[in-house]
PDB file of all heavy atoms in Angstrom:
ATOM      1  N   ARG A   1      -1.812   1.735   5.536  1.00  0.00           N
ATOM      2  CA  ARG A   1      -3.093   2.113   4.930  1.00  0.00           C
ATOM      3  C   ARG A   1      -2.937   2.842   3.599  1.00  0.00           C
ATOM      4  O   ARG A   1      -3.927   3.244   2.988  1.00  0.00           O
ATOM      5  CB  ARG A   1      -3.887   2.978   5.912  1.00  0.00           C
ATOM      6  CG  ARG A   1      -4.347   2.180   7.138  1.00  0.00           C
ATOM      7  CD  ARG A   1      -5.053   3.036   8.165  1.00  0.00           C
ATOM      8  NE  ARG A   1      -6.196   3.725   7.590  1.00  0.00           N
ATOM      9  CZ  ARG A   1      -6.761   4.794   8.134  1.00  0.00           C
ATOM     10  NH1 ARG A   1      -6.287   5.318   9.258  1.00  0.00           N
ATOM     11  NH2 ARG A   1      -7.786   5.367   7.559  1.00  0.00           N
ATOM     12  N   GLY A   2      -1.711   3.010   3.126  1.00  0.00           N
ATOM     13  CA  GLY A   2      -1.490   3.659   1.833  1.00  0.00           C
ATOM     14  C   GLY A   2      -1.775   5.146   1.849  1.00  0.00           C
ATOM     15  O   GLY A   2      -2.197   5.713   0.833  1.00  0.00           O
ATOM     16  N   LEU A   3      -1.524   5.821   2.979  1.00  0.00           N
ATOM     17  CA  LEU A   3      -1.840   7.244   3.110  1.00  0.00           C
ATOM     18  C   LEU A   3      -0.622   8.158   3.030  1.00  0.00           C
ATOM     19  O   LEU A   3      -0.765   9.376   3.174  1.00  0.00           O
ATOM     20  CB  LEU A   3      -2.585   7.493   4.432  1.00  0.00           C
ATOM     21  CG  LEU A   3      -3.970   6.860   4.520  1.00  0.00           C
ATOM     22  CD1 LEU A   3      -4.528   6.983   5.928  1.00  0.00           C
ATOM     23  CD2 LEU A   3      -4.904   7.507   3.507  1.00  0.00           C
ATOM     24  N   VAL A   4       0.549   7.607   2.772  1.00  0.00           N
ATOM     25  CA  VAL A   4       1.763   8.429   2.739  1.00  0.00           C
ATOM     26  C   VAL A   4       1.675   9.500   1.659  1.00  0.00           C
ATOM     27  O   VAL A   4       1.999  10.668   1.895  1.00  0.00           O
ATOM     28  CB  VAL A   4       3.025   7.559   2.568  1.00  0.00           C
ATOM     29  CG1 VAL A   4       4.267   8.425   2.373  1.00  0.00           C
ATOM     30  CG2 VAL A   4       3.210   6.641   3.771  1.00  0.00           C
ATOM     31  N   GLY A   5       1.228   9.149   0.478  1.00  0.00           N
ATOM     32  CA  GLY A   5       1.098  10.126  -0.612  1.00  0.00           C
ATOM     33  C   GLY A   5       0.160  11.261  -0.253  1.00  0.00           C
ATOM     34  O   GLY A   5       0.437  12.432  -0.524  1.00  0.00           O
ATOM     35  N   GLU A   6      -0.951  10.929   0.378  1.00  0.00           N
ATOM     36  CA  GLU A   6      -1.915  11.949   0.814  1.00  0.00           C
ATOM     37  C   GLU A   6      -1.307  12.859   1.868  1.00  0.00           C
ATOM     38  O   GLU A   6      -1.498  14.077   1.840  1.00  0.00           O
ATOM     39  CB  GLU A   6      -3.178  11.280   1.368  1.00  0.00           C
ATOM     40  CG  GLU A   6      -4.199  12.233   1.943  1.00  0.00           C
ATOM     41  CD  GLU A   6      -4.794  13.204   0.935  1.00  0.00           C
ATOM     42  OE1 GLU A   6      -4.789  12.899  -0.275  1.00  0.00           O
ATOM     43  OE2 GLU A   6      -5.264  14.282   1.356  1.00  0.00           O
ATOM     44  N   ILE A   7      -0.561  12.281   2.793  1.00  0.00           N
ATOM     45  CA  ILE A   7       0.079  13.079   3.839  1.00  0.00           C
ATOM     46  C   ILE A   7       1.089  14.041   3.224  1.00  0.00           C
ATOM     47  O   ILE A   7       1.092  15.238   3.520  1.00  0.00           O
ATOM     48  CB  ILE A   7       0.719  12.155   4.901  1.00  0.00           C
ATOM     49  CG1 ILE A   7      -0.395  11.461   5.707  1.00  0.00           C
ATOM     50  CG2 ILE A   7       1.675  12.928   5.804  1.00  0.00           C
ATOM     51  CD1 ILE A   7       0.086  10.340   6.609  1.00  0.00           C
ATOM     52  N   ILE A   8       1.934  13.536   2.350  1.00  0.00           N
ATOM     53  CA  ILE A   8       2.920  14.398   1.684  1.00  0.00           C
ATOM     54  C   ILE A   8       2.210  15.493   0.891  1.00  0.00           C
ATOM     55  O   ILE A   8       2.596  16.663   0.943  1.00  0.00           O
ATOM     56  CB  ILE A   8       3.849  13.564   0.783  1.00  0.00           C
ATOM     57  CG1 ILE A   8       4.744  12.664   1.639  1.00  0.00           C
ATOM     58  CG2 ILE A   8       4.694  14.467  -0.123  1.00  0.00           C
ATOM     59  CD1 ILE A   8       5.508  11.613   0.843  1.00  0.00           C
ATOM     60  N   ALA A   9       1.176  15.119   0.162  1.00  0.00           N
ATOM     61  CA  ALA A   9       0.454  16.090  -0.672  1.00  0.00           C
ATOM     62  C   ALA A   9      -0.120  17.228   0.157  1.00  0.00           C
ATOM     63  O   ALA A   9      -0.112  18.386  -0.276  1.00  0.00           O
ATOM     64  CB  ALA A   9      -0.662  15.388  -1.448  1.00  0.00           C
ATOM     65  N   ARG A  10      -0.591  16.931   1.341  1.00  0.00           N
ATOM     66  CA  ARG A  10      -1.163  17.994   2.180  1.00  0.00           C
ATOM     67  C   ARG A  10      -0.114  19.021   2.576  1.00  0.00           C
ATOM     68  O   ARG A  10      -0.388  20.218   2.583  1.00  0.00           O
ATOM     69  CB  ARG A  10      -1.839  17.405   3.407  1.00  0.00           C
ATOM     70  CG  ARG A  10      -3.128  16.687   2.996  1.00  0.00           C
ATOM     71  CD  ARG A  10      -3.924  16.301   4.181  1.00  0.00           C
ATOM     72  NE  ARG A  10      -5.124  15.587   3.736  1.00  0.00           N
ATOM     73  CZ  ARG A  10      -6.275  15.674   4.347  1.00  0.00           C
ATOM     74  NH1 ARG A  10      -6.413  16.455   5.401  1.00  0.00           N
ATOM     75  NH2 ARG A  10      -7.293  14.987   3.915  1.00  0.00           N
ATOM     76  N   PHE A  11       1.092  18.569   2.884  1.00  0.00           N
ATOM     77  CA  PHE A  11       2.150  19.523   3.220  1.00  0.00           C
ATOM     78  C   PHE A  11       2.572  20.311   1.982  1.00  0.00           C
ATOM     79  O   PHE A  11       2.770  21.525   2.052  1.00  0.00           O
ATOM     80  CB  PHE A  11       3.360  18.809   3.837  1.00  0.00           C
ATOM     81  CG  PHE A  11       3.050  18.178   5.165  1.00  0.00           C
ATOM     82  CD1 PHE A  11       3.199  16.820   5.359  1.00  0.00           C
ATOM     83  CD2 PHE A  11       2.594  18.955   6.230  1.00  0.00           C
ATOM     84  CE1 PHE A  11       2.917  16.247   6.580  1.00  0.00           C
ATOM     85  CE2 PHE A  11       2.295  18.381   7.460  1.00  0.00           C
ATOM     86  CZ  PHE A  11       2.461  17.015   7.634  1.00  0.00           C
ATOM     87  N   GLU A  12       2.670  19.647   0.859  1.00  0.00           N
ATOM     88  CA  GLU A  12       3.047  20.353  -0.373  1.00  0.00           C
ATOM     89  C   GLU A  12       1.980  21.364  -0.776  1.00  0.00           C
ATOM     90  O   GLU A  12       2.306  22.479  -1.189  1.00  0.00           O
ATOM     91  CB  GLU A  12       3.293  19.349  -1.500  1.00  0.00           C
ATOM     92  CG  GLU A  12       4.571  18.558  -1.300  1.00  0.00           C
ATOM     93  CD  GLU A  12       4.846  17.591  -2.427  1.00  0.00           C
ATOM     94  OE1 GLU A  12       3.894  16.979  -2.962  1.00  0.00           O
ATOM     95  OE2 GLU A  12       6.032  17.435  -2.776  1.00  0.00           O
ATOM     96  N   ARG A  13       0.717  21.009  -0.656  1.00  0.00           N
ATOM     97  CA  ARG A  13      -0.357  21.947  -1.015  1.00  0.00           C
ATOM     98  C   ARG A  13      -0.384  23.166  -0.100  1.00  0.00           C
ATOM     99  O   ARG A  13      -0.859  24.224  -0.505  1.00  0.00           O
ATOM    100  CB  ARG A  13      -1.715  21.238  -1.008  1.00  0.00           C
ATOM    101  CG  ARG A  13      -1.906  20.341  -2.228  1.00  0.00           C
ATOM    102  CD  ARG A  13      -3.350  19.912  -2.418  1.00  0.00           C
ATOM    103  NE  ARG A  13      -3.877  19.139  -1.323  1.00  0.00           N
ATOM    104  CZ  ARG A  13      -3.981  17.811  -1.298  1.00  0.00           C
ATOM    105  NH1 ARG A  13      -3.562  17.095  -2.327  1.00  0.00           N
ATOM    106  NH2 ARG A  13      -4.498  17.205  -0.251  1.00  0.00           N
ATOM    107  N   ARG A  14       0.135  23.035   1.100  1.00  0.00           N
ATOM    108  CA  ARG A  14       0.233  24.192   2.002  1.00  0.00           C
ATOM    109  C   ARG A  14       1.439  25.046   1.669  1.00  0.00           C
ATOM    110  O   ARG A  14       1.637  26.098   2.270  1.00  0.00           O
ATOM    111  CB  ARG A  14       0.332  23.730   3.460  1.00  0.00           C
ATOM    112  CG  ARG A  14      -1.029  23.318   3.989  1.00  0.00           C
ATOM    113  CD  ARG A  14      -1.120  23.380   5.466  1.00  0.00           C
ATOM    114  NE  ARG A  14      -1.226  24.737   5.987  1.00  0.00           N
ATOM    115  CZ  ARG A  14      -1.709  25.007   7.177  1.00  0.00           C
ATOM    116  NH1 ARG A  14      -2.131  24.024   7.953  1.00  0.00           N
ATOM    117  NH2 ARG A  14      -1.766  26.241   7.621  1.00  0.00           N
ATOM    118  N   GLY A  15       2.259  24.595   0.725  1.00  0.00           N
ATOM    119  CA  GLY A  15       3.407  25.389   0.296  1.00  0.00           C
ATOM    120  C   GLY A  15       4.717  25.036   0.961  1.00  0.00           C
ATOM    121  O   GLY A  15       5.716  25.732   0.777  1.00  0.00           O
ATOM    122  N   TYR A  16       4.745  23.944   1.722  1.00  0.00           N
ATOM    123  CA  TYR A  16       5.987  23.535   2.363  1.00  0.00           C
ATOM    124  C   TYR A  16       6.847  22.729   1.401  1.00  0.00           C
ATOM    125  O   TYR A  16       6.353  22.120   0.457  1.00  0.00           O
ATOM    126  CB  TYR A  16       5.700  22.720   3.627  1.00  0.00           C
ATOM    127  CG  TYR A  16       5.011  23.536   4.693  1.00  0.00           C
ATOM    128  CD1 TYR A  16       3.735  23.223   5.132  1.00  0.00           C
ATOM    129  CD2 TYR A  16       5.633  24.649   5.244  1.00  0.00           C
ATOM    130  CE1 TYR A  16       3.099  23.984   6.096  1.00  0.00           C
ATOM    131  CE2 TYR A  16       5.001  25.422   6.208  1.00  0.00           C
ATOM    132  CZ  TYR A  16       3.742  25.081   6.623  1.00  0.00           C
ATOM    133  OH  TYR A  16       3.118  25.839   7.566  1.00  0.00           O
ATOM    134  N   THR A  17       8.138  22.723   1.678  1.00  0.00           N
ATOM    135  CA  THR A  17       9.119  22.005   0.871  1.00  0.00           C
ATOM    136  C   THR A  17       9.545  20.743   1.599  1.00  0.00           C
ATOM    137  O   THR A  17       9.772  20.776   2.814  1.00  0.00           O
ATOM    138  CB  THR A  17      10.365  22.893   0.648  1.00  0.00           C
ATOM    139  OG1 THR A  17       9.966  24.072  -0.037  1.00  0.00           O
ATOM    140  CG2 THR A  17      11.412  22.191  -0.171  1.00  0.00           C
ATOM    141  N   ILE A  18       9.680  19.663   0.876  1.00  0.00           N
ATOM    142  CA  ILE A  18      10.246  18.444   1.447  1.00  0.00           C
ATOM    143  C   ILE A  18      11.754  18.547   1.296  1.00  0.00           C
ATOM    144  O   ILE A  18      12.274  18.534   0.183  1.00  0.00           O
ATOM    145  CB  ILE A  18       9.710  17.191   0.746  1.00  0.00           C
ATOM    146  CG1 ILE A  18       8.201  17.111   0.927  1.00  0.00           C
ATOM    147  CG2 ILE A  18      10.405  15.944   1.290  1.00  0.00           C
ATOM    148  CD1 ILE A  18       7.544  16.051   0.093  1.00  0.00           C
ATOM    149  N   ALA A  19      12.447  18.656   2.427  1.00  0.00           N
ATOM    150  CA  ALA A  19      13.905  18.792   2.416  1.00  0.00           C
ATOM    151  C   ALA A  19      14.602  17.443   2.564  1.00  0.00           C
ATOM    152  O   ALA A  19      15.773  17.310   2.227  1.00  0.00           O
ATOM    153  CB  ALA A  19      14.355  19.740   3.518  1.00  0.00           C
ATOM    154  N   ALA A  20      13.898  16.428   3.055  1.00  0.00           N
ATOM    155  CA  ALA A  20      14.440  15.075   3.200  1.00  0.00           C
ATOM    156  C   ALA A  20      13.269  14.105   3.309  1.00  0.00           C
ATOM    157  O   ALA A  20      12.214  14.454   3.849  1.00  0.00           O
ATOM    158  CB  ALA A  20      15.336  14.979   4.430  1.00  0.00           C
ATOM    159  N   LEU A  21      13.486  12.885   2.811  1.00  0.00           N
ATOM    160  CA  LEU A  21      12.407  11.899   2.798  1.00  0.00           C
ATOM    161  C   LEU A  21      13.009  10.512   2.687  1.00  0.00           C
ATOM    162  O   LEU A  21      13.885  10.281   1.844  1.00  0.00           O
ATOM    163  CB  LEU A  21      11.486  12.159   1.600  1.00  0.00           C
ATOM    164  CG  LEU A  21      10.354  11.193   1.321  1.00  0.00           C
ATOM    165  CD1 LEU A  21       9.215  11.439   2.304  1.00  0.00           C
ATOM    166  CD2 LEU A  21       9.846  11.373  -0.101  1.00  0.00           C
ATOM    167  N   LYS A  22      12.560   9.586   3.546  1.00  0.00           N
ATOM    168  CA  LYS A  22      12.990   8.197   3.399  1.00  0.00           C
ATOM    169  C   LYS A  22      12.024   7.244   4.089  1.00  0.00           C
ATOM    170  O   LYS A  22      11.434   7.563   5.117  1.00  0.00           O
ATOM    171  CB  LYS A  22      14.408   7.986   3.904  1.00  0.00           C
ATOM    172  CG  LYS A  22      14.669   8.288   5.363  1.00  0.00           C
ATOM    173  CD  LYS A  22      16.159   8.093   5.667  1.00  0.00           C
ATOM    174  CE  LYS A  22      16.564   8.686   6.983  1.00  0.00           C
ATOM    175  NZ  LYS A  22      17.990   8.549   7.234  1.00  0.00           N
ATOM    176  N   LEU A  23      11.882   6.071   3.462  1.00  0.00           N
ATOM    177  CA  LEU A  23      11.124   4.956   4.022  1.00  0.00           C
ATOM    178  C   LEU A  23      12.119   4.118   4.799  1.00  0.00           C
ATOM    179  O   LEU A  23      13.200   3.804   4.292  1.00  0.00           O
ATOM    180  CB  LEU A  23      10.498   4.127   2.899  1.00  0.00           C
ATOM    181  CG  LEU A  23       9.816   2.825   3.303  1.00  0.00           C
ATOM    182  CD1 LEU A  23       8.519   3.109   4.049  1.00  0.00           C
ATOM    183  CD2 LEU A  23       9.546   1.971   2.074  1.00  0.00           C
ATOM    184  N   MET A  24      11.766   3.780   6.045  1.00  0.00           N
ATOM    185  CA  MET A  24      12.721   3.018   6.835  1.00  0.00           C
ATOM    186  C   MET A  24      12.040   2.163   7.892  1.00  0.00           C
ATOM    187  O   MET A  24      10.941   2.469   8.345  1.00  0.00           O
ATOM    188  CB  MET A  24      13.720   3.966   7.496  1.00  0.00           C
ATOM    189  CG  MET A  24      13.099   4.984   8.422  1.00  0.00           C
ATOM    190  SD  MET A  24      14.228   6.297   8.944  1.00  0.00           S
ATOM    191  CE  MET A  24      15.476   5.393   9.790  1.00  0.00           C
ATOM    192  N   LYS A  25      12.698   1.087   8.244  1.00  0.00           N
ATOM    193  CA  LYS A  25      12.317   0.260   9.389  1.00  0.00           C
ATOM    194  C   LYS A  25      13.072   0.830  10.575  1.00  0.00           C
ATOM    195  O   LYS A  25      14.264   1.072  10.521  1.00  0.00           O
ATOM    196  CB  LYS A  25      12.712  -1.194   9.121  1.00  0.00           C
ATOM    197  CG  LYS A  25      12.312  -2.153  10.201  1.00  0.00           C
ATOM    198  CD  LYS A  25      10.871  -2.574  10.076  1.00  0.00           C
ATOM    199  CE  LYS A  25      10.591  -3.787  10.943  1.00  0.00           C
ATOM    200  NZ  LYS A  25       9.957  -3.498  12.183  1.00  0.00           N
ATOM    201  N   VAL A  26      12.385   1.102  11.652  1.00  0.00           N
ATOM    202  CA  VAL A  26      12.962   1.763  12.825  1.00  0.00           C
ATOM    203  C   VAL A  26      13.468   0.718  13.818  1.00  0.00           C
ATOM    204  O   VAL A  26      12.723  -0.186  14.189  1.00  0.00           O
ATOM    205  CB  VAL A  26      11.915   2.674  13.504  1.00  0.00           C
ATOM    206  CG1 VAL A  26      12.521   3.408  14.683  1.00  0.00           C
ATOM    207  CG2 VAL A  26      11.320   3.647  12.499  1.00  0.00           C
ATOM    208  N   ASP A  27      14.728   0.875  14.239  1.00  0.00           N
ATOM    209  CA  ASP A  27      15.260  -0.033  15.255  1.00  0.00           C
ATOM    210  C   ASP A  27      14.933   0.506  16.650  1.00  0.00           C
ATOM    211  O   ASP A  27      14.579   1.673  16.827  1.00  0.00           O
ATOM    212  CB  ASP A  27      16.765  -0.236  15.077  1.00  0.00           C
ATOM    213  CG  ASP A  27      17.567   1.037  15.251  1.00  0.00           C
ATOM    214  OD1 ASP A  27      17.556   1.594  16.367  1.00  0.00           O
ATOM    215  OD2 ASP A  27      18.204   1.483  14.280  1.00  0.00           O
ATOM    216  N   GLY A  28      15.063  -0.346  17.643  1.00  0.00           N
ATOM    217  CA  GLY A  28      14.723   0.002  19.010  1.00  0.00           C
ATOM    218  C   GLY A  28      15.524   1.170  19.556  1.00  0.00           C
ATOM    219  O   GLY A  28      14.985   2.001  20.299  1.00  0.00           O
ATOM    220  N   ASN A  29      16.793   1.243  19.224  1.00  0.00           N
ATOM    221  CA  ASN A  29      17.638   2.348  19.692  1.00  0.00           C
ATOM    222  C   ASN A  29      17.112   3.693  19.223  1.00  0.00           C
ATOM    223  O   ASN A  29      16.999   4.634  19.996  1.00  0.00           O
ATOM    224  CB  ASN A  29      19.069   2.158  19.173  1.00  0.00           C
ATOM    225  CG  ASN A  29      20.043   1.877  20.278  1.00  0.00           C
ATOM    226  OD1 ASN A  29      19.673   1.772  21.426  1.00  0.00           O
ATOM    227  ND2 ASN A  29      21.299   1.748  19.893  1.00  0.00           N
ATOM    228  N   ARG A  30      16.836   3.793  17.930  1.00  0.00           N
ATOM    229  CA  ARG A  30      16.331   5.047  17.366  1.00  0.00           C
ATOM    230  C   ARG A  30      14.975   5.404  17.991  1.00  0.00           C
ATOM    231  O   ARG A  30      14.716   6.540  18.325  1.00  0.00           O
ATOM    232  CB  ARG A  30      16.199   4.951  15.846  1.00  0.00           C
ATOM    233  CG  ARG A  30      15.845   6.282  15.182  1.00  0.00           C
ATOM    234  CD  ARG A  30      15.642   6.146  13.677  1.00  0.00           C
ATOM    235  NE  ARG A  30      16.665   5.397  13.008  1.00  0.00           N
ATOM    236  CZ  ARG A  30      17.687   5.915  12.321  1.00  0.00           C
ATOM    237  NH1 ARG A  30      17.801   7.227  12.237  1.00  0.00           N
ATOM    238  NH2 ARG A  30      18.565   5.151  11.722  1.00  0.00           N
ATOM    239  N   ALA A  31      14.124   4.398  18.150  1.00  0.00           N
ATOM    240  CA  ALA A  31      12.799   4.639  18.735  1.00  0.00           C
ATOM    241  C   ALA A  31      12.916   5.152  20.169  1.00  0.00           C
ATOM    242  O   ALA A  31      12.248   6.122  20.551  1.00  0.00           O
ATOM    243  CB  ALA A  31      11.973   3.356  18.691  1.00  0.00           C
ATOM    244  N   ARG A  32      13.772   4.509  20.973  1.00  0.00           N
ATOM    245  CA  ARG A  32      13.935   4.945  22.363  1.00  0.00           C
ATOM    246  C   ARG A  32      14.535   6.351  22.435  1.00  0.00           C
ATOM    247  O   ARG A  32      14.140   7.159  23.284  1.00  0.00           O
ATOM    248  CB  ARG A  32      14.790   3.939  23.136  1.00  0.00           C
ATOM    249  CG  ARG A  32      14.008   2.676  23.514  1.00  0.00           C
ATOM    250  CD  ARG A  32      14.814   1.740  24.400  1.00  0.00           C
ATOM    251  NE  ARG A  32      15.917   1.119  23.686  1.00  0.00           N
ATOM    252  CZ  ARG A  32      15.810   0.084  22.861  1.00  0.00           C
ATOM    253  NH1 ARG A  32      14.624  -0.470  22.663  1.00  0.00           N
ATOM    254  NH2 ARG A  32      16.853  -0.409  22.254  1.00  0.00           N
ATOM    255  N   THR A  33      15.460   6.654  21.534  1.00  0.00           N
ATOM    256  CA  THR A  33      16.044   7.997  21.496  1.00  0.00           C
ATOM    257  C   THR A  33      14.982   9.026  21.110  1.00  0.00           C
ATOM    258  O   THR A  33      14.873  10.089  21.721  1.00  0.00           O
ATOM    259  CB  THR A  33      17.230   8.048  20.518  1.00  0.00           C
ATOM    260  OG1 THR A  33      18.211   7.086  20.923  1.00  0.00           O
ATOM    261  CG2 THR A  33      17.857   9.423  20.465  1.00  0.00           C
ATOM    262  N   HIS A  34      14.191   8.701  20.106  1.00  0.00           N
ATOM    263  CA  HIS A  34      13.141   9.625  19.658  1.00  0.00           C
ATOM    264  C   HIS A  34      12.134   9.909  20.776  1.00  0.00           C
ATOM    265  O   HIS A  34      11.725  11.055  20.977  1.00  0.00           O
ATOM    266  CB  HIS A  34      12.422   9.051  18.430  1.00  0.00           C
ATOM    267  CG  HIS A  34      11.308   9.919  17.949  1.00  0.00           C
ATOM    268  ND1 HIS A  34      11.522  11.067  17.235  1.00  0.00           N
ATOM    269  CD2 HIS A  34       9.968   9.828  18.119  1.00  0.00           C
ATOM    270  CE1 HIS A  34      10.356  11.648  16.971  1.00  0.00           C
ATOM    271  NE2 HIS A  34       9.407  10.912  17.492  1.00  0.00           N
ATOM    272  N   TYR A  35      11.725   8.874  21.483  1.00  0.00           N
ATOM    273  CA  TYR A  35      10.704   9.014  22.521  1.00  0.00           C
ATOM    274  C   TYR A  35      11.305   9.183  23.922  1.00  0.00           C
ATOM    275  O   TYR A  35      10.614   8.982  24.928  1.00  0.00           O
ATOM    276  CB  TYR A  35       9.766   7.800  22.503  1.00  0.00           C
ATOM    277  CG  TYR A  35       8.823   7.779  21.323  1.00  0.00           C
ATOM    278  CD1 TYR A  35       8.794   6.705  20.441  1.00  0.00           C
ATOM    279  CD2 TYR A  35       7.948   8.832  21.096  1.00  0.00           C
ATOM    280  CE1 TYR A  35       7.915   6.679  19.367  1.00  0.00           C
ATOM    281  CE2 TYR A  35       7.065   8.817  20.019  1.00  0.00           C
ATOM    282  CZ  TYR A  35       7.063   7.731  19.171  1.00  0.00           C
ATOM    283  OH  TYR A  35       6.188   7.704  18.099  1.00  0.00           O
ATOM    284  N   ALA A  36      12.572   9.575  24.021  1.00  0.00           N
ATOM    285  CA  ALA A  36      13.274   9.660  25.309  1.00  0.00           C
ATOM    286  C   ALA A  36      12.531  10.494  26.345  1.00  0.00           C
ATOM    287  O   ALA A  36      12.554  10.170  27.537  1.00  0.00           O
ATOM    288  CB  ALA A  36      14.682  10.217  25.101  1.00  0.00           C
ATOM    289  N   GLU A  37      11.856  11.542  25.930  1.00  0.00           N
ATOM    290  CA  GLU A  37      11.137  12.395  26.888  1.00  0.00           C
ATOM    291  C   GLU A  37      10.007  11.654  27.601  1.00  0.00           C
ATOM    292  O   GLU A  37       9.517  12.103  28.633  1.00  0.00           O
ATOM    293  CB  GLU A  37      10.586  13.642  26.196  1.00  0.00           C
ATOM    294  CG  GLU A  37       9.488  13.338  25.184  1.00  0.00           C
ATOM    295  CD  GLU A  37       9.155  14.514  24.286  1.00  0.00           C
ATOM    296  OE1 GLU A  37       9.977  14.841  23.433  1.00  0.00           O
ATOM    297  OE2 GLU A  37       8.063  15.079  24.467  1.00  0.00           O
ATOM    298  N   HIS A  38       9.590  10.503  27.038  1.00  0.00           N
ATOM    299  CA  HIS A  38       8.511   9.723  27.640  1.00  0.00           C
ATOM    300  C   HIS A  38       9.024   8.507  28.419  1.00  0.00           C
ATOM    301  O   HIS A  38       8.211   7.734  28.934  1.00  0.00           O
ATOM    302  CB  HIS A  38       7.532   9.260  26.560  1.00  0.00           C
ATOM    303  CG  HIS A  38       6.897  10.387  25.815  1.00  0.00           C
ATOM    304  ND1 HIS A  38       6.110  11.345  26.419  1.00  0.00           N
ATOM    305  CD2 HIS A  38       6.955  10.723  24.503  1.00  0.00           C
ATOM    306  CE1 HIS A  38       5.692  12.213  25.515  1.00  0.00           C
ATOM    307  NE2 HIS A  38       6.198  11.871  24.348  1.00  0.00           N
ATOM    308  N   ALA A  39      10.347   8.330  28.481  1.00  0.00           N
ATOM    309  CA  ALA A  39      10.925   7.189  29.204  1.00  0.00           C
ATOM    310  C   ALA A  39      10.406   7.182  30.638  1.00  0.00           C
ATOM    311  O   ALA A  39      10.303   8.218  31.286  1.00  0.00           O
ATOM    312  CB  ALA A  39      12.441   7.264  29.186  1.00  0.00           C
ATOM    313  N   GLY A  40      10.039   5.995  31.091  1.00  0.00           N
ATOM    314  CA  GLY A  40       9.524   5.861  32.450  1.00  0.00           C
ATOM    315  C   GLY A  40       8.021   6.024  32.564  1.00  0.00           C
ATOM    316  O   GLY A  40       7.443   5.707  33.606  1.00  0.00           O
ATOM    317  N   LYS A  41       7.382   6.526  31.522  1.00  0.00           N
ATOM    318  CA  LYS A  41       5.924   6.677  31.551  1.00  0.00           C
ATOM    319  C   LYS A  41       5.278   5.340  31.168  1.00  0.00           C
ATOM    320  O   LYS A  41       5.878   4.535  30.448  1.00  0.00           O
ATOM    321  CB  LYS A  41       5.478   7.796  30.609  1.00  0.00           C
ATOM    322  CG  LYS A  41       5.987   9.173  31.048  1.00  0.00           C
ATOM    323  CD  LYS A  41       5.581  10.256  30.090  1.00  0.00           C
ATOM    324  CE  LYS A  41       6.167  11.606  30.528  1.00  0.00           C
ATOM    325  NZ  LYS A  41       5.954  12.646  29.526  1.00  0.00           N
ATOM    326  N   PRO A  42       4.060   5.099  31.612  1.00  0.00           N
ATOM    327  CA  PRO A  42       3.435   3.798  31.365  1.00  0.00           C
ATOM    328  C   PRO A  42       3.277   3.453  29.882  1.00  0.00           C
ATOM    329  O   PRO A  42       3.255   2.279  29.529  1.00  0.00           O
ATOM    330  CB  PRO A  42       2.060   3.908  32.033  1.00  0.00           C
ATOM    331  CG  PRO A  42       2.079   5.147  32.839  1.00  0.00           C
ATOM    332  CD  PRO A  42       3.241   5.976  32.420  1.00  0.00           C
TER     333      PRO A  42
END
């Protein structure tokens, strides 16, 4: 939806620092690791 700039701007306007940033396609392994706490849920 082209909202990444707006999202970043909101954090910057609150005074936060961007310490790392990247655009990426997420593979299944990374996704399952990220959401591991929800494994087994519907």
